PDB file of N, CA and C in Angstrom:
ATOM      1  N   MET A   1     -12.431   8.981   7.788  1.00  0.00           N
ATOM      2  CA  MET A   1     -12.525   8.268   9.125  1.00  0.00           C
ATOM      3  C   MET A   1     -11.705   6.747   8.948  1.00  0.00           C
ATOM      4  N   PHE A   2     -11.181   5.978   8.051  1.00  0.00           N
ATOM      5  CA  PHE A   2     -10.326   5.270   8.205  1.00  0.00           C
ATOM      6  C   PHE A   2      -8.714   5.873   7.565  1.00  0.00           C
ATOM      7  N   GLU A   3      -7.998   4.431   8.431  1.00  0.00           N
ATOM      8  CA  GLU A   3      -6.574   5.135   8.056  1.00  0.00           C
ATOM      9  C   GLU A   3      -5.851   4.631   6.789  1.00  0.00           C
ATOM     10  N   PRO A   4      -5.147   5.526   5.876  1.00  0.00           N
ATOM     11  CA  PRO A   4      -4.450   5.226   4.550  1.00  0.00           C
ATOM     12  C   PRO A   4      -4.394   3.137   4.230  1.00  0.00           C
ATOM     13  N   ASN A   5      -3.608   2.348   5.129  1.00  0.00           N
ATOM     14  CA  ASN A   5      -3.494   1.539   5.156  1.00  0.00           C
ATOM     15  C   ASN A   5      -4.519   0.397   5.477  1.00  0.00           C
ATOM     16  N   SER A   6      -6.024   1.218   5.738  1.00  0.00           N
ATOM     17  CA  SER A   6      -6.954  -0.106   6.489  1.00  0.00           C
ATOM     18  C   SER A   6      -7.688  -0.367   4.743  1.00  0.00           C
ATOM     19  N   ARG A   7      -8.390  -1.205   4.768  1.00  0.00           N
ATOM     20  CA  ARG A   7      -9.136  -2.218   3.741  1.00  0.00           C
ATOM     21  C   ARG A   7     -10.411  -0.872   3.617  1.00  0.00           C
ATOM     22  N   TYR A   8     -10.684  -0.596   4.764  1.00  0.00           N
ATOM     23  CA  TYR A   8     -11.615   0.819   4.272  1.00  0.00           C
ATOM     24  C   TYR A   8     -11.735   1.569   3.148  1.00  0.00           C
ATOM     25  N   TYR A   9     -10.212   2.374   3.743  1.00  0.00           N
ATOM     26  CA  TYR A   9      -9.913   3.729   3.226  1.00  0.00           C
ATOM     27  C   TYR A   9     -10.678   4.219   1.521  1.00  0.00           C
ATOM     28  N   GLN A  10     -10.809   3.447   1.273  1.00  0.00           N
ATOM     29  CA  GLN A  10     -11.886   4.499   0.367  1.00  0.00           C
ATOM     30  C   GLN A  10     -13.100   3.657  -0.609  1.00  0.00           C
ATOM     31  N   SER A  11     -13.785   3.315   0.806  1.00  0.00           N
ATOM     32  CA  SER A  11     -14.880   2.536   1.229  1.00  0.00           C
ATOM     33  C   SER A  11     -16.424   3.679   1.019  1.00  0.00           C
ATOM     34  N   GLU A  12     -17.070   3.658   0.407  1.00  0.00           N
ATOM     35  CA  GLU A  12     -18.614   4.494   0.548  1.00  0.00           C
ATOM     36  C   GLU A  12     -18.758   4.293   2.055  1.00  0.00           C
ATOM     37  N   LEU A  13     -19.234   5.513   2.896  1.00  0.00           N
ATOM     38  CA  LEU A  13     -20.100   5.357   4.105  1.00  0.00           C
ATOM     39  C   LEU A  13     -21.620   6.000   3.062  1.00  0.00           C
ATOM     40  N   LYS A  14     -22.656   4.981   3.900  1.00  0.00           N
ATOM     41  CA  LYS A  14     -23.534   4.976   3.449  1.00  0.00           C
ATOM     42  C   LYS A  14     -24.716   5.197   5.154  1.00  0.00           C
ATOM     43  N   THR A  15     -26.081   6.095   4.997  1.00  0.00           N
ATOM     44  CA  THR A  15     -26.786   5.657   5.678  1.00  0.00           C
ATOM     45  C   THR A  15     -28.202   5.422   5.637  1.00  0.00           C
ATOM     46  N   ARG A  16     -28.461   4.527   6.593  1.00  0.00           N
ATOM     47  CA  ARG A  16     -29.699   3.999   6.348  1.00  0.00           C
ATOM     48  C   ARG A  16     -30.876   4.651   7.293  1.00  0.00           C
ATOM     49  N   THR A  17     -32.487   4.821   7.249  1.00  0.00           N
ATOM     50  CA  THR A  17     -33.384   4.966   8.428  1.00  0.00           C
ATOM     51  C   THR A  17     -34.206   4.456   8.771  1.00  0.00           C
ATOM     52  N   LEU A  18     -33.593   3.616   9.901  1.00  0.00           N
ATOM     53  CA  LEU A  18     -34.746   2.938  10.372  1.00  0.00           C
ATOM     54  C   LEU A  18     -36.110   2.927  10.586  1.00  0.00           C
ATOM     55  N   PRO A  19     -36.986   1.988  10.524  1.00  0.00           N
ATOM     56  CA  PRO A  19     -38.520   2.518  10.812  1.00  0.00           C
ATOM     57  C   PRO A  19     -38.673   3.212  12.032  1.00  0.00           C
ATOM     58  N   ASP A  20     -38.054   3.713  13.141  1.00  0.00           N
ATOM     59  CA  ASP A  20     -37.843   4.145  14.259  1.00  0.00           C
ATOM     60  C   ASP A  20     -37.671   6.152  13.882  1.00  0.00           C
ATOM     61  N   GLY A  21     -36.855   5.730  12.568  1.00  0.00           N
ATOM     62  CA  GLY A  21     -36.758   7.200  12.626  1.00  0.00           C
ATOM     63  C   GLY A  21     -35.323   7.665  12.620  1.00  0.00           C
ATOM     64  N   ARG A  22     -34.640   6.348  13.847  1.00  0.00           N
ATOM     65  CA  ARG A  22     -32.868   6.723  13.367  1.00  0.00           C
ATOM     66  C   ARG A  22     -32.538   6.123  12.441  1.00  0.00           C
ATOM     67  N   GLU A  23     -31.506   7.176  12.481  1.00  0.00           N
ATOM     68  CA  GLU A  23     -30.169   6.834  11.186  1.00  0.00           C
ATOM     69  C   GLU A  23     -28.980   6.419  11.292  1.00  0.00           C
ATOM     70  N   VAL A  24     -28.985   5.108  10.862  1.00  0.00           N
ATOM     71  CA  VAL A  24     -27.541   4.284  10.761  1.00  0.00           C
ATOM     72  C   VAL A  24     -26.404   4.388   9.474  1.00  0.00           C
ATOM     73  N   SER A  25     -25.464   4.750  10.216  1.00  0.00           N
ATOM     74  CA  SER A  25     -24.413   4.423   9.286  1.00  0.00           C
ATOM     75  C   SER A  25     -23.515   3.447   9.459  1.00  0.00           C
ATOM     76  N   TYR A  26     -22.856   3.492   7.927  1.00  0.00           N
ATOM     77  CA  TYR A  26     -22.642   1.544   7.499  1.00  0.00           C
ATOM     78  C   TYR A  26     -21.444   1.983   6.690  1.00  0.00           C
ATOM     79  N   VAL A  27     -20.410   1.243   6.514  1.00  0.00           N
ATOM     80  CA  VAL A  27     -19.855   0.901   5.793  1.00  0.00           C
ATOM     81  C   VAL A  27     -19.923   0.396   4.665  1.00  0.00           C
ATOM     82  N   ALA A  28     -19.853   0.810   2.649  1.00  0.00           N
ATOM     83  CA  ALA A  28     -20.314  -0.349   2.320  1.00  0.00           C
ATOM     84  C   ALA A  28     -20.037  -1.554   2.075  1.00  0.00           C
ATOM     85  N   ARG A  29     -20.121  -2.145   1.302  1.00  0.00           N
ATOM     86  CA  ARG A  29     -19.442  -3.770   1.046  1.00  0.00           C
ATOM     87  C   ARG A  29     -18.535  -3.857   0.274  1.00  0.00           C
ATOM     88  N   ARG A  30     -17.361  -4.590   0.470  1.00  0.00           N
ATOM     89  CA  ARG A  30     -16.088  -4.157  -0.375  1.00  0.00           C
ATOM     90  C   ARG A  30     -15.863  -5.235  -0.788  1.00  0.00           C
ATOM     91  N   PHE A  31     -15.593  -5.485  -2.436  1.00  0.00           N
ATOM     92  CA  PHE A  31     -15.367  -6.237  -2.852  1.00  0.00           C
ATOM     93  C   PHE A  31     -13.571  -6.446  -3.444  1.00  0.00           C
ATOM     94  N   PRO A  32     -13.203  -7.699  -2.986  1.00  0.00           N
ATOM     95  CA  PRO A  32     -11.626  -7.899  -2.887  1.00  0.00           C
ATOM     96  C   PRO A  32     -11.201  -7.716  -4.546  1.00  0.00           C
ATOM     97  N   PRO A  33      -9.983  -6.829  -5.392  1.00  0.00           N
ATOM     98  CA  PRO A  33      -9.816  -7.037  -6.567  1.00  0.00           C
ATOM     99  C   PRO A  33     -10.116  -8.295  -7.445  1.00  0.00           C
ATOM    100  N   ARG A  34      -9.776  -8.141  -8.532  1.00  0.00           N
ATOM    101  CA  ARG A  34     -10.366  -8.917  -9.732  1.00  0.00           C
ATOM    102  C   ARG A  34      -8.779  -9.597 -10.503  1.00  0.00           C
ATOM    103  N   ASP A  35      -9.105 -10.469 -10.483  1.00  0.00           N
ATOM    104  CA  ASP A  35      -7.308 -12.065 -10.497  1.00  0.00           C
ATOM    105  C   ASP A  35      -6.926 -10.815 -11.258  1.00  0.00           C
ATOM    106  N   GLU A  36      -7.115 -10.142 -12.389  1.00  0.00           N
ATOM    107  CA  GLU A  36      -6.019  -9.282 -13.352  1.00  0.00           C
ATOM    108  C   GLU A  36      -6.136  -7.847 -13.330  1.00  0.00           C
ATOM    109  N   ASP A  37      -6.956  -7.410 -12.083  1.00  0.00           N
ATOM    110  CA  ASP A  37      -6.137  -6.311 -11.179  1.00  0.00           C
ATOM    111  C   ASP A  37      -4.811  -7.017 -10.417  1.00  0.00           C
ATOM    112  N   LEU A  38      -4.800  -7.907 -10.055  1.00  0.00           N
ATOM    113  CA  LEU A  38      -3.715  -8.205  -8.907  1.00  0.00           C
ATOM    114  C   LEU A  38      -2.464  -8.401  -9.777  1.00  0.00           C
ATOM    115  N   LYS A  39      -1.281  -7.567  -9.490  1.00  0.00           N
ATOM    116  CA  LYS A  39       0.638  -7.754  -9.440  1.00  0.00           C
ATOM    117  C   LYS A  39       1.145  -8.106  -8.111  1.00  0.00           C
ATOM    118  N   ILE A  40       1.440  -9.386  -8.747  1.00  0.00           N
ATOM    119  CA  ILE A  40       2.096 -10.738  -7.653  1.00  0.00           C
ATOM    120  C   ILE A  40       3.498  -9.828  -7.582  1.00  0.00           C
ATOM    121  N   MET A  41       3.786  -9.693  -6.028  1.00  0.00           N
ATOM    122  CA  MET A  41       4.983  -9.410  -5.968  1.00  0.00           C
ATOM    123  C   MET A  41       6.219 -10.952  -6.070  1.00  0.00           C
ATOM    124  N   SER A  42       5.273 -11.855  -4.962  1.00  0.00           N
ATOM    125  CA  SER A  42       6.284 -12.958  -4.651  1.00  0.00           C
ATOM    126  C   SER A  42       5.449 -13.897  -4.208  1.00  0.00           C
ATOM    127  N   VAL A  43       6.092 -15.495  -3.842  1.00  0.00           N
ATOM    128  CA  VAL A  43       5.353 -15.993  -3.108  1.00  0.00           C
ATOM    129  C   VAL A  43       5.802 -16.698  -1.805  1.00  0.00           C
ATOM    130  N   HIS A  44       4.797 -16.980  -0.870  1.00  0.00           N
ATOM    131  CA  HIS A  44       5.301 -17.368   0.178  1.00  0.00           C
ATOM    132  C   HIS A  44       5.034 -18.987   1.095  1.00  0.00           C
ATOM    133  N   THR A  45       5.985 -19.607   1.356  1.00  0.00           N
ATOM    134  CA  THR A  45       5.545 -20.587   1.639  1.00  0.00           C
ATOM    135  C   THR A  45       5.151 -21.143   3.122  1.00  0.00           C
ATOM    136  N   VAL A  46       4.201 -20.843   3.823  1.00  0.00           N
ATOM    137  CA  VAL A  46       3.433 -21.031   5.030  1.00  0.00           C
ATOM    138  C   VAL A  46       4.210 -22.240   5.898  1.00  0.00           C
ATOM    139  N   ASN A  47       4.825 -21.252   6.954  1.00  0.00           N
ATOM    140  CA  ASN A  47       5.514 -21.981   7.718  1.00  0.00           C
ATOM    141  C   ASN A  47       4.598 -22.465   8.898  1.00  0.00           C
ATOM    142  N   LYS A  48       4.920 -23.917   9.963  1.00  0.00           N
ATOM    143  CA  LYS A  48       4.407 -23.750  11.121  1.00  0.00           C
ATOM    144  C   LYS A  48       4.510 -22.168  11.569  1.00  0.00           C
ATOM    145  N   GLY A  49       3.667 -21.790  12.038  1.00  0.00           N
ATOM    146  CA  GLY A  49       3.398 -20.280  13.338  1.00  0.00           C
ATOM    147  C   GLY A  49       3.141 -19.870  12.757  1.00  0.00           C
ATOM    148  N   ASP A  50       3.456 -19.193  11.116  1.00  0.00           N
ATOM    149  CA  ASP A  50       3.031 -18.367  10.778  1.00  0.00           C
ATOM    150  C   ASP A  50       1.641 -17.713  11.264  1.00  0.00           C
ATOM    151  N   ARG A  51       1.838 -15.895  10.777  1.00  0.00           N
ATOM    152  CA  ARG A  51       0.526 -14.996  10.963  1.00  0.00           C
ATOM    153  C   ARG A  51       0.759 -13.836   9.693  1.00  0.00           C
ATOM    154  N   LEU A  52      -0.553 -13.612   9.270  1.00  0.00           N
ATOM    155  CA  LEU A  52      -0.207 -13.037   7.926  1.00  0.00           C
ATOM    156  C   LEU A  52       0.114 -11.936   8.584  1.00  0.00           C
ATOM    157  N   ASP A  53      -0.319 -10.936   9.637  1.00  0.00           N
ATOM    158  CA  ASP A  53       0.036  -9.637   9.964  1.00  0.00           C
ATOM    159  C   ASP A  53       2.130 -10.197  10.083  1.00  0.00           C
ATOM    160  N   ILE A  54       2.466 -10.860  10.231  1.00  0.00           N
ATOM    161  CA  ILE A  54       3.716 -11.158  10.179  1.00  0.00           C
ATOM    162  C   ILE A  54       4.126 -10.585   8.922  1.00  0.00           C
ATOM    163  N   ILE A  55       4.003 -11.806   8.321  1.00  0.00           N
ATOM    164  CA  ILE A  55       3.859 -11.953   6.673  1.00  0.00           C
ATOM    165  C   ILE A  55       4.152 -10.514   6.483  1.00  0.00           C
ATOM    166  N   ALA A  56       3.015  -9.998   6.455  1.00  0.00           N
ATOM    167  CA  ALA A  56       2.944  -8.457   5.555  1.00  0.00           C
ATOM    168  C   ALA A  56       4.022  -8.000   6.204  1.00  0.00           C
ATOM    169  N   SER A  57       4.219  -7.320   7.533  1.00  0.00           N
ATOM    170  CA  SER A  57       5.669  -6.806   7.327  1.00  0.00           C
ATOM    171  C   SER A  57       6.554  -7.035   6.969  1.00  0.00           C
ATOM    172  N   GLN A  58       6.742  -8.300   6.858  1.00  0.00           N
ATOM    173  CA  GLN A  58       8.123  -8.734   5.791  1.00  0.00           C
ATOM    174  C   GLN A  58       8.206  -8.638   5.278  1.00  0.00           C
ATOM    175  N   LYS A  59       6.858  -8.657   3.839  1.00  0.00           N
ATOM    176  CA  LYS A  59       6.981  -9.205   2.723  1.00  0.00           C
ATOM    177  C   LYS A  59       6.133  -7.071   2.446  1.00  0.00           C
ATOM    178  N   ILE A  60       5.401  -6.677   3.039  1.00  0.00           N
ATOM    179  CA  ILE A  60       4.775  -5.506   2.193  1.00  0.00           C
ATOM    180  C   ILE A  60       5.518  -4.259   3.119  1.00  0.00           C
ATOM    181  N   GLY A  61       5.971  -4.785   4.506  1.00  0.00           N
ATOM    182  CA  GLY A  61       6.282  -3.321   4.920  1.00  0.00           C
ATOM    183  C   GLY A  61       5.394  -2.822   6.084  1.00  0.00           C
ATOM    184  N   ASP A  62       4.465  -3.207   6.239  1.00  0.00           N
ATOM    185  CA  ASP A  62       3.228  -3.138   7.471  1.00  0.00           C
ATOM    186  C   ASP A  62       2.268  -4.217   7.509  1.00  0.00           C
ATOM    187  N   PRO A  63       2.792  -4.269   8.624  1.00  0.00           N
ATOM    188  CA  PRO A  63       1.478  -5.335   9.248  1.00  0.00           C
ATOM    189  C   PRO A  63      -0.173  -5.313   9.467  1.00  0.00           C
ATOM    190  N   VAL A  64      -0.245  -3.927   9.027  1.00  0.00           N
ATOM    191  CA  VAL A  64      -1.909  -3.683   8.998  1.00  0.00           C
ATOM    192  C   VAL A  64      -2.762  -4.134   7.571  1.00  0.00           C
ATOM    193  N   GLN A  65      -1.883  -3.997   6.529  1.00  0.00           N
ATOM    194  CA  GLN A  65      -1.651  -4.821   5.189  1.00  0.00           C
ATOM    195  C   GLN A  65      -1.744  -6.155   4.695  1.00  0.00           C
ATOM    196  N   PHE A  66      -2.216  -7.077   6.353  1.00  0.00           N
ATOM    197  CA  PHE A  66      -2.308  -8.280   6.231  1.00  0.00           C
ATOM    198  C   PHE A  66      -3.446  -8.716   5.049  1.00  0.00           C
ATOM    199  N   TRP A  67      -4.507  -7.834   4.652  1.00  0.00           N
ATOM    200  CA  TRP A  67      -5.834  -8.161   3.979  1.00  0.00           C
ATOM    201  C   TRP A  67      -5.476  -8.266   2.832  1.00  0.00           C
ATOM    202  N   ARG A  68      -4.373  -7.147   1.999  1.00  0.00           N
ATOM    203  CA  ARG A  68      -3.773  -7.156   0.659  1.00  0.00           C
ATOM    204  C   ARG A  68      -3.530  -9.100   0.389  1.00  0.00           C
ATOM    205  N   ILE A  69      -2.601  -9.641   1.548  1.00  0.00           N
ATOM    206  CA  ILE A  69      -2.388 -11.196   0.623  1.00  0.00           C
ATOM    207  C   ILE A  69      -3.157 -12.128   1.100  1.00  0.00           C
ATOM    208  N   ALA A  70      -4.162 -11.940   1.960  1.00  0.00           N
ATOM    209  CA  ALA A  70      -5.923 -12.431   1.785  1.00  0.00           C
ATOM    210  C   ALA A  70      -6.695 -12.290   0.907  1.00  0.00           C
ATOM    211  N   ASP A  71      -6.196 -10.845   0.340  1.00  0.00           N
ATOM    212  CA  ASP A  71      -7.740 -10.461  -0.871  1.00  0.00           C
ATOM    213  C   ASP A  71      -6.909 -11.157  -2.067  1.00  0.00           C
ATOM    214  N   ALA A  72      -5.216 -11.817  -2.149  1.00  0.00           N
ATOM    215  CA  ALA A  72      -4.699 -11.860  -3.077  1.00  0.00           C
ATOM    216  C   ALA A  72      -4.827 -13.535  -3.315  1.00  0.00           C
ATOM    217  N   GLN A  73      -5.508 -14.099  -2.209  1.00  0.00           N
ATOM    218  CA  GLN A  73      -5.960 -15.300  -2.483  1.00  0.00           C
ATOM    219  C   GLN A  73      -7.189 -15.751  -2.658  1.00  0.00           C
ATOM    220  N   HIS A  74      -7.397 -16.254  -3.761  1.00  0.00           N
ATOM    221  CA  HIS A  74      -8.197 -16.109  -4.680  1.00  0.00           C
ATOM    222  C   HIS A  74      -9.179 -17.156  -3.785  1.00  0.00           C
ATOM    223  N   ARG A  75     -10.825 -16.266  -3.833  1.00  0.00           N
ATOM    224  CA  ARG A  75     -11.926 -17.105  -3.561  1.00  0.00           C
ATOM    225  C   ARG A  75     -11.504 -17.695  -1.838  1.00  0.00           C
ATOM    226  N   ASN A  76     -11.022 -17.317  -0.874  1.00  0.00           N
ATOM    227  CA  ASN A  76     -10.967 -17.785   0.180  1.00  0.00           C
ATOM    228  C   ASN A  76     -11.290 -16.173   1.124  1.00  0.00           C
ATOM    229  N   LEU A  77     -12.106 -16.801   1.831  1.00  0.00           N
ATOM    230  CA  LEU A  77     -12.602 -15.831   2.412  1.00  0.00           C
ATOM    231  C   LEU A  77     -12.288 -15.704   4.309  1.00  0.00           C
ATOM    232  N   ASP A  78     -11.331 -16.789   4.270  1.00  0.00           N
ATOM    233  CA  ASP A  78     -10.428 -16.869   6.071  1.00  0.00           C
ATOM    234  C   ASP A  78      -9.582 -16.518   5.852  1.00  0.00           C
ATOM    235  N   PRO A  79      -8.968 -15.329   6.308  1.00  0.00           N
ATOM    236  CA  PRO A  79      -7.699 -15.121   6.335  1.00  0.00           C
ATOM    237  C   PRO A  79      -7.158 -16.489   7.258  1.00  0.00           C
ATOM    238  N   HIS A  80      -7.485 -16.995   8.340  1.00  0.00           N
ATOM    239  CA  HIS A  80      -7.074 -17.934   9.011  1.00  0.00           C
ATOM    240  C   HIS A  80      -6.451 -18.608   8.565  1.00  0.00           C
ATOM    241  N   GLU A  81      -7.733 -19.860   7.532  1.00  0.00           N
ATOM    242  CA  GLU A  81      -7.326 -20.991   6.782  1.00  0.00           C
ATOM    243  C   GLU A  81      -6.116 -20.651   6.099  1.00  0.00           C
ATOM    244  N   LEU A  82      -5.411 -19.350   5.346  1.00  0.00           N
ATOM    245  CA  LEU A  82      -4.382 -18.954   4.711  1.00  0.00           C
ATOM    246  C   LEU A  82      -3.541 -19.544   5.357  1.00  0.00           C
ATOM    247  N   ILE A  83      -3.319 -19.416   7.092  1.00  0.00           N
ATOM    248  CA  ILE A  83      -1.869 -20.166   7.806  1.00  0.00           C
ATOM    249  C   ILE A  83      -1.976 -21.371   8.029  1.00  0.00           C
ATOM    250  N   ARG A  84      -2.941 -21.704   8.012  1.00  0.00           N
ATOM    251  CA  ARG A  84      -3.454 -23.244   8.893  1.00  0.00           C
ATOM    252  C   ARG A  84      -2.952 -24.402   8.400  1.00  0.00           C
ATOM    253  N   GLU A  85      -2.083 -24.193   7.189  1.00  0.00           N
ATOM    254  CA  GLU A  85      -1.376 -25.599   6.540  1.00  0.00           C
ATOM    255  C   GLU A  85      -0.084 -25.161   6.350  1.00  0.00           C
ATOM    256  N   PRO A  86       1.064 -25.488   7.254  1.00  0.00           N
ATOM    257  CA  PRO A  86       2.457 -25.382   6.339  1.00  0.00           C
ATOM    258  C   PRO A  86       2.749 -25.840   5.226  1.00  0.00           C
ATOM    259  N   GLY A  87       2.970 -25.637   4.219  1.00  0.00           N
ATOM    260  CA  GLY A  87       3.456 -25.610   3.065  1.00  0.00           C
ATOM    261  C   GLY A  87       2.649 -24.665   1.879  1.00  0.00           C
ATOM    262  N   ARG A  88       1.413 -24.235   2.151  1.00  0.00           N
ATOM    263  CA  ARG A  88       0.547 -24.012   0.943  1.00  0.00           C
ATOM    264  C   ARG A  88       1.025 -22.497   0.702  1.00  0.00           C
ATOM    265  N   LYS A  89       0.815 -21.978  -0.293  1.00  0.00           N
ATOM    266  CA  LYS A  89       2.064 -20.957  -1.047  1.00  0.00           C
ATOM    267  C   LYS A  89       0.807 -19.932  -0.989  1.00  0.00           C
ATOM    268  N   LEU A  90       1.233 -18.798  -0.136  1.00  0.00           N
ATOM    269  CA  LEU A  90       0.582 -17.450  -0.418  1.00  0.00           C
ATOM    270  C   LEU A  90       1.509 -16.445  -1.404  1.00  0.00           C
ATOM    271  N   SER A  91       0.349 -16.206  -2.816  1.00  0.00           N
ATOM    272  CA  SER A  91       0.684 -15.097  -3.621  1.00  0.00           C
ATOM    273  C   SER A  91       0.756 -13.207  -2.712  1.00  0.00           C
ATOM    274  N   ILE A  92       1.917 -12.790  -2.465  1.00  0.00           N
ATOM    275  CA  ILE A  92       2.113 -11.811  -2.229  1.00  0.00           C
ATOM    276  C   ILE A  92       1.999 -11.000  -3.074  1.00  0.00           C
ATOM    277  N   PRO A  93       1.230  -9.339  -3.351  1.00  0.00           N
ATOM    278  CA  PRO A  93       0.975  -8.317  -3.898  1.00  0.00           C
ATOM    279  C   PRO A  93       1.419  -7.650  -3.480  1.00  0.00           C
ATOM    280  N   PHE A  94       1.922  -7.056  -4.618  1.00  0.00           N
ATOM    281  CA  PHE A  94       2.555  -5.010  -4.328  1.00  0.00           C
ATOM    282  C   PHE A  94       1.710  -4.361  -3.778  1.00  0.00           C
ATOM    283  N   PRO A  95       2.383  -3.735  -2.888  1.00  0.00           N
ATOM    284  CA  PRO A  95       1.727  -2.902  -2.251  1.00  0.00           C
ATOM    285  C   PRO A  95       1.558  -1.369  -2.842  1.00  0.00           C
ATOM    286  N   GLU A  96       0.158  -1.044  -2.755  1.00  0.00           N
ATOM    287  CA  GLU A  96      -0.435   0.149  -3.226  1.00  0.00           C
ATOM    288  C   GLU A  96       0.668   1.349  -3.258  1.00  0.00           C
ATOM    289  N   ALA A  97       1.038   2.050  -4.142  1.00  0.00           N
ATOM    290  CA  ALA A  97       1.802   3.206  -3.901  1.00  0.00           C
ATOM    291  C   ALA A  97       1.030   4.327  -3.113  1.00  0.00           C
ATOM    292  N   GLY A  98       1.772   4.844  -2.435  1.00  0.00           N
ATOM    293  CA  GLY A  98       1.576   6.047  -1.234  1.00  0.00           C
ATOM    294  C   GLY A  98       0.990   5.511  -0.562  1.00  0.00           C
ATOM    295  N   VAL A  99       0.825   4.346  -0.104  1.00  0.00           N
ATOM    296  CA  VAL A  99       0.499   3.450   1.635  1.00  0.00           C
ATOM    297  C   VAL A  99       1.838   2.861   2.362  1.00  0.00           C
TER     298      VAL A  99
END
């Protein structure tokens, strides 16, 4: 259902039956990787006008994988916050093999 470079690629699909009998499918909750499981490739200093998809394209080779950069920024769930302030340091993780 999801492309291999999607953050939801390996996520489980679940189904719930509503009180009226209809079944609804949804993607199970996804948890970011633990700090100890991340392998950091480099650090990027945010410049005015940066976008995570462009940073991902330049550093990881795929703009769709901006979510990997967001995952590597500990305890921050808002990707837009990551690029708001120039000078911020972003950890850039290694891309997964085969993606």
